[in-house]
Amino acid sequence: MALRRELWNKLQGLDERFFLYYEDVDLCFRAYREGHSAVYLPEAEAYHHAPHALRKDADRRLSLIIQESRMQYFKKNRPGWEAQALSCLHKIENLKYGLQSFVEKRGKRTVG
C-alpha cells in the first residue's frame, strides 16, 4: 500500500485498535470517505519469508484473529445489522472448525 504523507497524516495513520488484519481496509475506507480512491495493481507482488500458513496449528488461531479484526472493522464502519449478521456467520465458522477438530481427534483414537 502506498499513499501520500499528507493523506497519512490527515487520516492519522493506521488505527491501532486493530491487532492484525483489516487495518489496511479501514485506512482505505477512511481515505474513500475523504474523497480518495484505492487502486488495485494485480501485477504487484509481495513475498513473505516466513508465512503464517506454514506454522503448525496456525490455521485456527489465525482464523480467530481475522474474525476479531473483521468484527472490529464492521462495528466501526458498517451498520449494526451487518455486524450482527457477521457475528452469526462467525458462529457458523467456529462450529465448522469445532466439528472438524472433533472428527479429526475421533479418527485418531479409532485408528491406533
Protein backbone atom coordinates (compact mmCIF):
# COMPACT_ATOMS: atom_id res chain seq x y z
CA MET A 1 0.00 0.00 0.00
CA ALA A 2 1.26 3.46 -0.82
CA LEU A 3 -0.21 6.86 -0.11
CA ARG A 4 0.93 10.43 0.23
CA ARG A 5 2.24 11.59 3.57
CA GLU A 6 -0.34 14.39 3.71
CA LEU A 7 -3.19 11.88 3.47
CA TRP A 8 -1.50 9.56 6.00
CA ASN A 9 -1.24 12.46 8.45
CA LYS A 10 -4.81 13.61 7.80
CA LEU A 11 -6.12 10.08 8.47
CA GLN A 12 -3.74 9.72 11.43
CA GLY A 13 -2.26 6.51 10.04
CA LEU A 14 -3.45 3.01 10.85
CA ASP A 15 -5.99 2.51 13.61
CA GLU A 16 -4.02 0.81 16.38
CA ARG A 17 -7.16 -0.85 17.75
CA PHE A 18 -6.73 -3.45 15.00
CA PHE A 19 -4.30 -6.09 16.25
CA LEU A 20 -3.69 -7.68 12.89
CA TYR A 21 -5.62 -7.63 9.60
CA TYR A 22 -8.23 -5.15 8.37
CA GLU A 23 -6.23 -2.09 9.43
CA ASP A 24 -5.43 -1.55 5.75
CA VAL A 25 -9.08 -1.97 4.75
CA ASP A 26 -10.06 0.54 7.42
CA LEU A 27 -7.43 3.03 6.20
CA CYS A 28 -8.64 2.72 2.60
CA PHE A 29 -12.25 3.16 3.68
CA ARG A 30 -11.37 6.30 5.65
CA ALA A 31 -9.48 7.64 2.61
CA TYR A 32 -12.52 6.87 0.44
CA ARG A 33 -14.75 8.86 2.80
CA GLU A 34 -12.35 11.79 2.31
CA GLY A 35 -12.81 11.59 -1.46
CA HIS A 36 -9.77 9.50 -2.40
CA SER A 37 -9.81 6.23 -4.29
CA ALA A 38 -7.92 2.99 -3.93
CA VAL A 39 -6.27 1.37 -6.92
CA TYR A 40 -5.56 -2.34 -7.15
CA LEU A 41 -2.46 -3.37 -9.10
CA PRO A 42 -2.72 -7.08 -9.89
CA GLU A 43 0.83 -7.18 -11.23
CA ALA A 44 2.28 -6.10 -7.85
CA GLU A 45 3.73 -8.94 -5.78
CA ALA A 46 4.77 -9.28 -2.16
CA TYR A 47 6.72 -12.14 -0.61
CA HIS A 48 6.64 -13.34 2.99
CA HIS A 49 9.83 -15.04 4.11
CA ALA A 50 8.05 -16.95 6.91
CA PRO A 51 4.35 -17.07 6.10
CA HIS A 52 1.94 -17.77 8.94
CA ALA A 53 0.25 -20.51 6.94
CA LEU A 54 3.33 -22.74 7.21
CA ARG A 55 3.29 -22.75 11.01
CA LYS A 56 1.75 -25.78 12.68
CA ASP A 57 -1.71 -25.18 14.15
CA ALA A 58 -1.70 -21.62 12.81
CA ASP A 59 -4.90 -22.02 10.80
CA ARG A 60 -7.33 -21.87 13.73
CA ARG A 61 -5.53 -19.16 15.67
CA LEU A 62 -5.16 -17.08 12.53
CA SER A 63 -8.83 -17.57 11.73
CA LEU A 64 -9.80 -16.23 15.17
CA ILE A 65 -7.54 -13.19 14.77
CA ILE A 66 -9.05 -12.47 11.35
CA GLN A 67 -12.57 -12.85 12.77
CA GLU A 68 -11.81 -10.43 15.59
CA SER A 69 -10.35 -7.83 13.24
CA ARG A 70 -13.19 -8.24 10.75
CA MET A 71 -15.72 -7.71 13.54
CA GLN A 72 -13.79 -4.63 14.75
CA TYR A 73 -13.94 -3.21 11.21
CA PHE A 74 -17.67 -3.90 10.85
CA LYS A 75 -18.51 -2.39 14.24
CA LYS A 76 -16.53 0.72 13.36
CA ASN A 77 -17.56 1.25 9.73
CA ARG A 78 -20.74 -0.66 8.90
CA PRO A 79 -24.39 -0.57 10.06
CA GLY A 80 -25.19 -2.51 13.22
CA TRP A 81 -27.26 -5.15 11.43
CA GLU A 82 -24.24 -6.07 9.28
CA ALA A 83 -22.09 -6.63 12.37
CA GLN A 84 -24.85 -8.83 13.83
CA ALA A 85 -25.07 -10.86 10.61
CA LEU A 86 -21.29 -11.22 10.60
CA SER A 87 -21.39 -12.43 14.18
CA CYS A 88 -23.80 -15.19 13.12
CA LEU A 89 -21.51 -16.17 10.26
CA HIS A 90 -18.56 -16.32 12.66
CA LYS A 91 -20.53 -18.68 14.91
CA ILE A 92 -21.18 -20.97 11.95
CA GLU A 93 -17.50 -20.85 11.01
CA ASN A 94 -16.50 -21.68 14.59
CA LEU A 95 -18.93 -24.59 14.65
CA LYS A 96 -17.36 -25.88 11.43
CA TYR A 97 -13.86 -25.75 12.98
CA GLY A 98 -15.14 -27.45 16.12
CA LEU A 99 -16.74 -30.28 14.16
CA GLN A 100 -13.62 -30.73 12.04
CA SER A 101 -11.46 -30.92 15.15
CA PHE A 102 -13.84 -33.41 16.77
CA VAL A 103 -13.84 -35.65 13.69
CA GLU A 104 -10.04 -35.49 13.36
CA LYS A 105 -9.48 -36.36 17.05
CA ARG A 106 -12.07 -39.13 16.93
CA GLY A 107 -10.43 -40.58 13.83
CA LYS A 108 -7.01 -40.63 15.51
CA ARG A 109 -8.41 -42.51 18.54
CA THR A 110 -10.02 -45.25 16.49
CA VAL A 111 -7.03 -45.81 14.18
CA GLY A 112 -4.41 -46.67 16.82
